[in-house]
Amino acid sequence: MSPWFGDRRRGSQAHPLRSDEDPGHGLPGGRVERDLRDPRQVRVLRSQRRGGRAGGRGPLGGLARFLVFVVVLAIVVVAVGVTVLRPLVRDAIVGWADDNPSALRLPFVEGLVRENLGTRLTDPASTDPTQVSFVVEPGDSATSIAERLRDAGLVLDPRSFVLTAMDRGVEGRLEAGTFVLRRNMTPDQLVGSLLEAKEPAVTVTLREGLRLEQVVAKLMTLPLTMDVRAFYDLAKAPTAEFLAAHPWLSLPKGASLEGFLAADTYRILADTSAEEFLGILLEHFHETVGDSRMAVPPDRGLTFYQVLSLASIAGQEAIVQDELPVIAGVYQNRLDAKMLLQADPTVSYGRDTLALAKLPFARWTTYSFWEPVGGNLADVVLPKALAGYQTYRQKGLIPGPISTPTVAAIDAALHPDTKDGFLFFVAKGDGSNTHAFAKTYAEHLANLKKYGYR
């Protein structure tokens, strides 16, 4: 018998075998395996190996695991559902917000609308910097303004204006009045202009019959940051690039823009550039006069530029509009008869041009334009560059317009009244602002005597 076995049987830590145990199944640690052929013993043994909790698969443990499974499954289903259905939910809420602008005050609605807008929230509606007038009526809301901005093509989406106004906290501080906006303004810039009035407009009123230098003198008196000298230089000698931007404009080589500076009341931004404002004047002229007038029929015998020149003379002579066609007819008859035009305004134009050249630019605001020359007009000497305006000495039509004529004057020059054959006229000076017309020089002398000239 081995010493180990003898110790086990006799030592205090020995585990004597009972009659029902099998000595051939000893386990480490001194434990002896139960009879594995008994199913009950197998279940007890497995339970012990799992930590001694025989109730792990009981009713309460199973229910807990089931509830955890249900919760996890619900989270997964909701997450998948929200991901799949989010566009539908967002579109429904955005559509509701369109019909109910006040809903934008709800944070989750606002967030969905911003997501729907994307870059439309910050992008301008156009890259065109053209200025346009926009009227805010008393009582207008941010929503009503936004809708009209959309209709005018100034915002891509009206909600971008409303949300921007809300961000800046100014949707309730409306400024009624007429504002000047640029087509390339962002929603934020539009809010600044309309709701906070940060960019007030300047009113520029150009009356009928002004020559270029009078327009320049007017601009110098206004609160503009414009380089007025640059305006004048560009108008006197327009660049090829500038002319290309106005393809309807047909000028003789070296001609200025005299005659095309449309009379009207303009509202422009204080920072309007010289080139920008000159473009505004030209485009307004084009819009007002129209292509049909500028397409002069060949049988008229004049280009549109020449028609404009004739119209500028008639416009300076006539006070009563009904006389415009007759006065234009007098000059047309004299042209046809190869006579001197003998138009007083053209001589005044030449005389004023010489005087302005000697006057400092800043003092043009003090000059008195179109004053009567006085004396014998044929004695006024003009340099070669202006000789064509001395119509008491040189025959033919003047080189170019002496001012911007009205549409009525242009129509008169297009369709002069020549049927009566008038060659002379003189102001009556009786307060009627009308003229006496004559076919012959003798009749003209009689009119001069009648109305106190001789």
Protein backbone atom coordinates (compact mmCIF):
# COMPACT_ATOMS: atom_id res chain seq x y z
CA MET A 1 0.00 0.00 0.00
CA SER A 2 1.41 3.34 -1.00
CA PRO A 3 2.28 5.93 1.62
CA TRP A 4 -0.11 8.52 0.02
CA PHE A 5 -3.08 6.24 0.28
CA GLY A 6 -2.21 5.29 3.83
CA ASP A 7 -1.97 8.98 4.80
CA ARG A 8 -5.37 9.73 3.23
CA ARG A 9 -7.00 7.03 5.25
CA ARG A 10 -5.35 7.85 8.52
CA GLY A 11 -4.80 11.65 8.38
CA SER A 12 -7.15 14.22 9.82
CA GLN A 13 -7.94 15.62 6.28
CA ALA A 14 -8.82 12.19 4.90
CA HIS A 15 -12.25 11.68 3.28
CA PRO A 16 -13.25 8.02 4.02
CA LEU A 17 -15.35 6.46 1.31
CA ARG A 18 -18.97 5.68 1.94
CA SER A 19 -20.39 2.42 0.77
CA ASP A 20 -22.33 4.14 -2.09
CA GLU A 21 -19.38 6.11 -3.54
CA ASP A 22 -17.07 4.95 -6.27
CA PRO A 23 -13.38 5.33 -5.33
CA GLY A 24 -12.48 5.55 -9.00
CA HIS A 25 -13.94 9.16 -9.41
CA GLY A 26 -11.84 11.27 -7.13
CA LEU A 27 -11.71 15.03 -7.99
CA PRO A 28 -9.05 17.63 -7.31
CA GLY A 29 -9.49 19.37 -3.99
CA GLY A 30 -10.63 16.26 -2.29
CA ARG A 31 -14.24 16.30 -3.71
CA VAL A 32 -15.80 13.12 -5.02
CA GLU A 33 -18.20 13.22 -8.04
CA ARG A 34 -21.71 12.02 -7.46
CA ASP A 35 -23.11 9.21 -9.54
CA LEU A 36 -23.50 10.80 -13.01
CA ARG A 37 -26.07 8.29 -13.93
CA ASP A 38 -28.64 10.05 -11.70
CA PRO A 39 -30.26 12.94 -13.68
CA ARG A 40 -31.07 14.88 -10.52
CA GLN A 41 -27.44 14.85 -9.53
CA VAL A 42 -26.42 16.11 -12.99
CA ARG A 43 -28.78 19.12 -12.70
CA VAL A 44 -27.49 19.96 -9.23
CA LEU A 45 -23.91 19.69 -10.38
CA ARG A 46 -24.45 22.00 -13.38
CA SER A 47 -26.16 24.53 -11.16
CA GLN A 48 -23.24 24.49 -8.81
CA ARG A 49 -20.80 25.05 -11.66
CA ARG A 50 -22.73 28.18 -12.70
CA GLY A 51 -22.33 29.72 -9.30
CA GLY A 52 -24.78 27.83 -7.26
CA ARG A 53 -28.00 29.65 -8.57
CA ALA A 54 -30.33 26.85 -9.43
CA GLY A 55 -33.15 29.39 -10.12
CA GLY A 56 -31.32 31.28 -13.09
CA ARG A 57 -33.84 30.05 -15.58
CA GLY A 58 -36.81 30.70 -13.34
CA PRO A 59 -39.91 32.80 -14.27
CA LEU A 60 -38.61 36.15 -12.92
CA GLY A 61 -35.21 35.91 -14.62
CA GLY A 62 -36.79 35.09 -17.99
CA LEU A 63 -39.22 38.02 -17.74
CA ALA A 64 -36.38 40.48 -17.06
CA ARG A 65 -34.47 39.29 -20.09
CA PHE A 66 -37.60 39.57 -22.24
CA LEU A 67 -38.28 43.16 -21.14
CA VAL A 68 -34.71 44.18 -21.93
CA PHE A 69 -35.08 42.63 -25.38
CA VAL A 70 -38.33 44.50 -26.02
CA VAL A 71 -36.83 47.86 -25.00
CA VAL A 72 -33.77 47.39 -27.23
CA LEU A 73 -35.98 46.31 -30.13
CA ALA A 74 -38.21 49.38 -29.65
CA ILE A 75 -35.19 51.71 -29.72
CA VAL A 76 -33.95 50.10 -32.90
CA VAL A 77 -37.40 50.33 -34.55
CA VAL A 78 -37.83 54.00 -33.56
CA ALA A 79 -34.34 54.88 -34.76
CA VAL A 80 -34.92 53.16 -38.10
CA GLY A 81 -38.41 54.70 -38.38
CA VAL A 82 -37.22 58.24 -37.71
CA THR A 83 -34.38 57.83 -40.21
CA VAL A 84 -36.65 56.51 -42.93
CA LEU A 85 -39.61 58.77 -42.21
CA ARG A 86 -37.67 61.96 -41.36
CA PRO A 87 -38.05 63.51 -44.84
CA LEU A 88 -41.80 62.92 -44.70
CA VAL A 89 -42.08 64.34 -41.20
CA ARG A 90 -39.89 67.34 -42.10
CA ASP A 91 -41.87 68.09 -45.28
CA ALA A 92 -45.14 67.94 -43.40
CA ILE A 93 -43.92 70.32 -40.70
CA VAL A 94 -42.30 72.67 -43.23
CA GLY A 95 -45.53 72.80 -45.22
CA TRP A 96 -47.46 73.56 -42.07
CA ALA A 97 -45.01 76.34 -41.20
CA ASP A 98 -45.51 77.86 -44.66
CA ASP A 99 -49.20 78.25 -43.92
CA ASN A 100 -48.57 79.34 -40.34
CA PRO A 101 -45.49 81.64 -40.18
CA SER A 102 -45.88 82.04 -36.43
CA ALA A 103 -44.87 78.38 -36.12
CA LEU A 104 -41.31 79.44 -36.89
CA ARG A 105 -41.05 80.53 -33.28
CA LEU A 106 -41.11 76.87 -32.24
CA PRO A 107 -37.49 75.73 -32.03
CA PHE A 108 -37.99 72.31 -33.62
CA VAL A 109 -40.04 73.81 -36.47
CA GLU A 110 -37.45 76.54 -37.01
CA GLY A 111 -34.71 73.92 -37.16
CA LEU A 112 -36.51 71.87 -39.78
CA VAL A 113 -37.26 74.95 -41.89
CA ARG A 114 -33.60 76.03 -41.75
CA GLU A 115 -32.61 72.54 -42.83
CA ASN A 116 -35.10 72.73 -45.69
CA LEU A 117 -33.82 76.15 -46.81
CA GLY A 118 -30.16 75.18 -46.94
CA THR A 119 -28.07 77.79 -48.74
CA ARG A 120 -31.18 79.77 -49.70
CA LEU A 121 -31.04 81.13 -46.16
CA THR A 122 -27.86 83.08 -46.92
CA ASP A 123 -27.50 83.27 -50.70
CA PRO A 124 -28.59 86.35 -52.71
CA ALA A 125 -31.26 85.87 -55.34
CA SER A 126 -29.01 87.27 -58.07
CA THR A 127 -25.50 88.40 -58.87
CA ASP A 128 -26.91 91.52 -60.54
CA PRO A 129 -26.02 94.66 -58.51
CA THR A 130 -28.78 96.73 -60.15
CA GLN A 131 -30.62 99.04 -57.76
CA VAL A 132 -34.40 98.81 -57.44
CA SER A 133 -36.97 100.68 -55.37
CA PHE A 134 -39.03 98.81 -52.79
CA VAL A 135 -41.94 100.20 -50.80
CA VAL A 136 -42.74 99.15 -47.22
CA GLU A 137 -46.28 100.11 -46.31
CA PRO A 138 -47.31 101.11 -42.77
CA GLY A 139 -48.33 97.99 -40.88
CA ASP A 140 -46.35 95.61 -43.06
CA SER A 141 -45.07 92.52 -41.27
CA ALA A 142 -41.85 90.67 -41.92
CA THR A 143 -43.91 87.97 -43.62
CA SER A 144 -45.74 90.32 -45.99
CA ILE A 145 -42.49 92.09 -46.84
CA ALA A 146 -40.80 88.75 -47.48
CA GLU A 147 -43.52 87.68 -49.90
CA ARG A 148 -43.21 90.88 -51.92
CA LEU A 149 -39.42 90.55 -51.92
CA ARG A 150 -39.86 87.13 -53.47
CA ASP A 151 -42.29 88.49 -56.07
CA ALA A 152 -39.73 91.18 -56.95
CA GLY A 153 -37.01 88.55 -57.36
CA LEU A 154 -35.02 89.84 -54.39
CA VAL A 155 -35.06 86.68 -52.26
CA LEU A 156 -34.97 83.02 -53.26
CA ASP A 157 -37.38 82.07 -50.48
CA PRO A 158 -39.41 84.46 -48.28
CA ARG A 159 -38.71 82.33 -45.20
CA SER A 160 -35.03 83.25 -45.42
CA PHE A 161 -35.95 86.90 -44.84
CA VAL A 162 -38.32 86.10 -41.97
CA LEU A 163 -35.82 83.83 -40.19
CA THR A 164 -33.03 86.37 -40.61
CA ALA A 165 -35.24 89.10 -39.17
CA MET A 166 -36.03 86.80 -36.22
CA ASP A 167 -32.33 86.07 -35.69
CA ARG A 168 -31.64 89.79 -35.45
CA GLY A 169 -34.70 90.44 -33.31
CA VAL A 170 -36.09 93.11 -35.64
CA GLU A 171 -39.12 91.43 -37.19
CA GLY A 172 -41.38 93.75 -35.23
CA ARG A 173 -39.46 96.98 -35.96
CA LEU A 174 -40.59 97.87 -39.44
CA GLU A 175 -39.62 101.03 -41.29
CA ALA A 176 -42.33 102.29 -43.64
CA GLY A 177 -41.18 104.15 -46.72
CA THR A 178 -39.44 103.74 -50.05
CA PHE A 179 -36.09 101.98 -49.95
CA VAL A 180 -33.41 101.31 -52.53
CA LEU A 181 -32.13 97.75 -52.68
CA ARG A 182 -29.65 95.90 -54.82
CA ARG A 183 -30.68 92.70 -56.55
CA ASN A 184 -27.57 90.91 -55.25
CA MET A 185 -28.26 91.62 -51.57
CA THR A 186 -28.29 88.65 -49.20
CA PRO A 187 -31.27 88.14 -46.86
CA ASP A 188 -29.20 89.61 -44.04
CA GLN A 189 -28.41 92.73 -46.08
CA LEU A 190 -32.07 93.08 -47.03
CA VAL A 191 -33.05 92.97 -43.38
CA GLY A 192 -30.48 95.63 -42.61
CA SER A 193 -31.79 97.87 -45.37
CA LEU A 194 -35.53 97.44 -44.82
CA LEU A 195 -35.99 96.76 -41.14
CA GLU A 196 -33.16 98.78 -39.70
CA ALA A 197 -32.84 101.43 -42.45
CA LYS A 198 -29.06 101.35 -42.30
CA GLU A 199 -28.65 102.34 -45.95
CA PRO A 200 -30.86 105.37 -46.63
CA ALA A 201 -31.36 106.37 -50.24
CA VAL A 202 -30.48 109.71 -51.77
CA THR A 203 -32.97 111.50 -54.02
CA VAL A 204 -31.55 112.83 -57.28
CA THR A 205 -33.93 114.99 -59.31
CA LEU A 206 -32.83 115.80 -62.85
CA ARG A 207 -35.25 118.11 -64.61
CA GLU A 208 -35.80 118.15 -68.34
CA GLY A 209 -33.37 119.86 -70.68
CA LEU A 210 -30.20 119.61 -68.57
CA ARG A 211 -26.81 119.40 -70.20
CA LEU A 212 -24.13 117.07 -68.83
CA GLU A 213 -22.36 119.77 -66.80
CA GLN A 214 -25.63 120.71 -65.09
CA VAL A 215 -26.09 117.08 -64.05
CA VAL A 216 -22.55 117.08 -62.68
CA ALA A 217 -23.16 120.31 -60.73
CA LYS A 218 -26.29 118.75 -59.24
CA LEU A 219 -24.46 115.61 -58.13
CA MET A 220 -21.83 117.72 -56.35
CA THR A 221 -24.54 119.15 -54.06
CA LEU A 222 -25.83 115.76 -52.87
CA PRO A 223 -24.67 113.52 -49.96
CA LEU A 224 -23.07 110.94 -52.20
CA THR A 225 -19.71 109.21 -51.91
CA MET A 226 -19.56 109.11 -55.70
CA ASP A 227 -16.48 110.40 -57.51
CA VAL A 228 -18.35 113.04 -59.52
CA ARG A 229 -15.28 113.88 -61.56
CA ALA A 230 -15.09 110.23 -62.63
CA PHE A 231 -18.77 110.46 -63.62
CA TYR A 232 -18.05 113.46 -65.83
CA ASP A 233 -14.95 111.96 -67.41
CA LEU A 234 -16.74 108.72 -68.28
CA ALA A 235 -19.72 110.60 -69.73
CA LYS A 236 -17.44 112.77 -71.85
CA ALA A 237 -15.38 109.85 -73.12
CA PRO A 238 -17.14 106.52 -72.49
CA THR A 239 -14.82 103.52 -72.58
CA ALA A 240 -15.26 100.59 -74.94
CA GLU A 241 -16.10 98.36 -71.98
CA PHE A 242 -18.80 100.73 -70.79
CA LEU A 243 -20.33 101.04 -74.26
CA ALA A 244 -20.31 97.26 -74.62
CA ALA A 245 -22.51 97.03 -71.52
CA HIS A 246 -25.14 99.12 -73.36
CA PRO A 247 -25.24 97.61 -76.85
CA TRP A 248 -28.34 99.57 -77.84
CA LEU A 249 -26.32 102.79 -77.64
CA SER A 250 -25.02 103.84 -81.05
CA LEU A 251 -22.64 106.80 -80.95
CA PRO A 252 -20.42 108.42 -83.55
CA LYS A 253 -16.74 107.94 -82.87
CA GLY A 254 -15.54 110.20 -80.09
CA ALA A 255 -19.06 111.29 -79.07
CA SER A 256 -19.99 111.88 -75.45
CA LEU A 257 -23.14 110.69 -73.69
CA GLU A 258 -24.69 114.14 -73.90
CA GLY A 259 -28.38 113.82 -74.73
CA PHE A 260 -28.81 110.36 -73.14
CA LEU A 261 -28.95 111.38 -69.45
CA ALA A 262 -32.64 110.82 -68.83
CA ALA A 263 -34.50 113.37 -66.74
CA ASP A 264 -36.39 111.94 -63.75
CA THR A 265 -36.30 111.63 -59.98
CA TYR A 266 -33.99 108.83 -58.91
CA ARG A 267 -33.52 107.16 -55.54
CA ILE A 268 -30.02 105.75 -55.28
CA LEU A 269 -27.79 104.45 -52.51
CA ALA A 270 -25.27 106.90 -51.12
CA ASP A 271 -22.41 104.65 -52.20
CA THR A 272 -23.55 104.43 -55.82
CA SER A 273 -20.52 104.57 -58.08
CA ALA A 274 -20.06 106.94 -61.00
CA GLU A 275 -20.26 104.14 -63.55
CA GLU A 276 -23.29 102.63 -61.85
CA PHE A 277 -25.30 105.86 -61.85
CA LEU A 278 -24.36 106.68 -65.41
CA GLY A 279 -25.61 103.22 -66.36
CA ILE A 280 -28.87 103.88 -64.49
CA LEU A 281 -29.41 107.09 -66.46
CA LEU A 282 -28.71 105.40 -69.78
CA GLU A 283 -30.93 102.42 -69.13
CA HIS A 284 -33.77 104.68 -68.01
CA PHE A 285 -33.37 106.64 -71.24
CA HIS A 286 -33.50 103.39 -73.22
CA GLU A 287 -36.54 102.17 -71.33
CA THR A 288 -38.36 105.50 -71.73
CA VAL A 289 -37.54 106.19 -75.38
CA GLY A 290 -37.75 102.61 -76.60
CA ASP A 291 -36.17 100.74 -79.47
CA SER A 292 -38.97 101.67 -81.87
CA ARG A 293 -38.05 105.36 -81.75
CA MET A 294 -34.36 104.61 -82.07
CA ALA A 295 -35.02 102.57 -85.20
CA VAL A 296 -35.39 105.67 -87.39
CA PRO A 297 -36.90 104.88 -90.81
CA PRO A 298 -34.44 105.45 -93.70
CA ASP A 299 -36.77 107.91 -95.38
CA ARG A 300 -36.36 110.26 -92.40
CA GLY A 301 -32.86 110.94 -93.68
CA LEU A 302 -31.29 111.17 -90.20
CA THR A 303 -29.71 108.76 -87.75
CA PHE A 304 -31.16 108.56 -84.27
CA TYR A 305 -28.18 110.50 -82.94
CA GLN A 306 -29.02 113.30 -85.38
CA VAL A 307 -32.68 113.12 -84.43
CA LEU A 308 -31.61 113.48 -80.81
CA SER A 309 -29.52 116.54 -81.72
CA LEU A 310 -32.45 118.19 -83.49
CA ALA A 311 -34.77 117.32 -80.61
CA SER A 312 -32.37 118.92 -78.10
CA ILE A 313 -32.56 122.23 -80.01
CA ALA A 314 -36.36 122.16 -80.28
CA GLY A 315 -36.61 121.23 -76.60
CA GLN A 316 -34.56 124.26 -75.56
CA GLU A 317 -36.66 126.60 -77.73
CA ALA A 318 -40.17 125.39 -76.95
CA ILE A 319 -41.97 126.11 -73.70
CA VAL A 320 -45.43 125.04 -74.77
CA GLN A 321 -45.25 121.38 -75.73
CA ASP A 322 -47.79 121.71 -78.56
CA GLU A 323 -45.30 123.89 -80.43
CA LEU A 324 -42.56 121.26 -80.45
CA PRO A 325 -43.44 119.70 -83.84
CA VAL A 326 -43.74 123.15 -85.47
CA ILE A 327 -40.40 124.36 -84.09
CA ALA A 328 -38.74 121.09 -85.14
CA GLY A 329 -40.37 121.66 -88.52
CA VAL A 330 -38.81 125.13 -88.83
CA TYR A 331 -35.32 123.71 -88.32
CA GLN A 332 -36.00 120.81 -90.66
CA ASN A 333 -37.19 123.21 -93.34
CA ARG A 334 -34.02 125.28 -92.93
CA LEU A 335 -31.88 122.16 -93.18
CA ASP A 336 -33.67 121.16 -96.35
CA ALA A 337 -33.20 124.68 -97.77
CA LYS A 338 -29.45 124.62 -96.90
CA MET A 339 -29.95 127.64 -94.65
CA LEU A 340 -28.20 128.48 -91.40
CA LEU A 341 -30.15 127.10 -88.46
CA GLN A 342 -29.54 130.28 -86.44
CA ALA A 343 -30.52 128.51 -83.21
CA ASP A 344 -29.77 130.62 -80.15
CA PRO A 345 -29.42 127.65 -77.72
CA THR A 346 -26.57 126.13 -79.71
CA VAL A 347 -24.52 129.31 -79.43
CA SER A 348 -25.25 129.46 -75.70
CA TYR A 349 -24.07 125.85 -75.41
CA GLY A 350 -20.75 126.69 -77.05
CA ARG A 351 -20.28 129.84 -74.97
CA ASP A 352 -21.04 127.96 -71.71
CA THR A 353 -18.66 125.16 -72.65
CA LEU A 354 -15.79 127.63 -73.02
CA ALA A 355 -16.63 129.34 -69.71
CA LEU A 356 -16.83 126.04 -67.79
CA ALA A 357 -13.42 125.00 -69.09
CA LYS A 358 -11.92 128.05 -67.39
CA LEU A 359 -13.85 127.56 -64.13
CA PRO A 360 -12.54 125.24 -61.38
CA PHE A 361 -14.54 121.99 -61.36
CA ALA A 362 -15.81 122.49 -57.81
CA ARG A 363 -17.28 125.87 -58.77
CA TRP A 364 -19.54 124.54 -61.50
CA THR A 365 -22.31 124.59 -58.89
CA THR A 366 -22.19 128.40 -59.00
CA TYR A 367 -22.42 128.74 -62.78
CA SER A 368 -25.57 130.12 -64.42
CA PHE A 369 -26.35 128.01 -67.49
CA TRP A 370 -28.23 129.01 -70.66
CA GLU A 371 -28.07 132.75 -70.04
CA PRO A 372 -28.84 134.80 -73.19
CA VAL A 373 -25.64 135.60 -75.06
CA GLY A 374 -26.72 139.14 -75.94
CA GLY A 375 -25.66 141.26 -78.89
CA ASN A 376 -25.26 139.88 -82.36
CA LEU A 377 -24.97 136.09 -82.04
CA ALA A 378 -23.11 135.88 -85.33
CA ASP A 379 -20.24 137.74 -83.66
CA VAL A 380 -19.64 135.00 -81.08
CA VAL A 381 -16.43 133.19 -81.95
CA LEU A 382 -16.05 129.55 -80.97
CA PRO A 383 -12.91 127.41 -81.35
CA LYS A 384 -12.70 124.73 -83.99
CA ALA A 385 -13.79 121.97 -81.61
CA LEU A 386 -17.05 123.86 -80.98
CA ALA A 387 -17.49 125.57 -84.35
CA GLY A 388 -20.33 123.25 -85.31
CA TYR A 389 -22.47 124.80 -82.56
CA GLN A 390 -22.10 128.30 -84.00
CA THR A 391 -25.24 127.93 -86.12
CA TYR A 392 -25.20 131.62 -87.06
CA ARG A 393 -22.01 130.96 -89.01
CA GLN A 394 -21.97 127.29 -89.95
CA LYS A 395 -24.67 125.48 -91.89
CA GLY A 396 -25.97 122.01 -91.20
CA LEU A 397 -27.02 120.13 -88.11
CA ILE A 398 -24.98 120.51 -84.94
CA PRO A 399 -22.35 117.79 -84.13
CA GLY A 400 -24.34 116.35 -81.23
CA PRO A 401 -27.07 117.03 -78.67
CA ILE A 402 -26.79 120.09 -76.45
CA SER A 403 -28.93 118.54 -73.65
CA THR A 404 -31.19 115.59 -72.97
CA PRO A 405 -34.50 116.15 -74.77
CA THR A 406 -37.88 114.88 -73.63
CA VAL A 407 -39.70 112.04 -75.37
CA ALA A 408 -42.13 114.62 -76.78
CA ALA A 409 -39.21 116.54 -78.31
CA ILE A 410 -37.80 113.33 -79.78
CA ASP A 411 -41.20 112.54 -81.31
CA ALA A 412 -41.32 116.06 -82.75
CA ALA A 413 -37.88 115.59 -84.31
CA LEU A 414 -38.93 112.23 -85.71
CA HIS A 415 -42.11 113.71 -87.17
CA PRO A 416 -41.55 117.45 -87.65
CA ASP A 417 -44.45 119.58 -88.81
CA THR A 418 -43.15 121.00 -92.07
CA LYS A 419 -46.39 121.32 -94.00
CA ASP A 420 -46.76 125.09 -93.54
CA GLY A 421 -43.24 125.78 -94.70
CA PHE A 422 -42.30 127.98 -91.73
CA LEU A 423 -38.68 129.17 -91.73
CA PHE A 424 -38.75 131.70 -88.86
CA PHE A 425 -40.19 132.09 -85.37
CA VAL A 426 -39.93 134.55 -82.53
CA ALA A 427 -41.13 134.47 -78.92
CA LYS A 428 -44.19 136.66 -78.46
CA GLY A 429 -43.15 137.81 -75.02
CA ASP A 430 -46.78 138.35 -73.99
CA GLY A 431 -46.86 135.83 -71.19
CA SER A 432 -48.30 133.05 -73.32
CA ASN A 433 -44.92 131.32 -73.75
CA THR A 434 -45.80 130.82 -77.42
CA HIS A 435 -44.11 131.88 -80.65
CA ALA A 436 -45.06 133.68 -83.84
CA PHE A 437 -44.10 131.77 -87.00
CA ALA A 438 -43.36 133.09 -90.49
CA LYS A 439 -42.69 131.66 -93.91
CA THR A 440 -40.71 134.60 -95.28
CA TYR A 441 -38.16 137.00 -93.90
CA ALA A 442 -40.56 139.89 -94.50
CA GLU A 443 -43.20 138.18 -92.35
CA HIS A 444 -40.57 137.57 -89.73
CA LEU A 445 -39.58 141.25 -89.66
CA ALA A 446 -43.22 142.16 -89.22
CA ASN A 447 -43.47 139.78 -86.23
CA LEU A 448 -40.33 141.28 -84.69
CA LYS A 449 -41.90 144.71 -84.93
CA LYS A 450 -45.24 143.47 -83.65
CA TYR A 451 -43.79 141.92 -80.54
CA GLY A 452 -41.46 144.80 -79.71
CA TYR A 453 -38.11 143.61 -80.97
CA ARG A 454 -37.71 146.43 -83.51
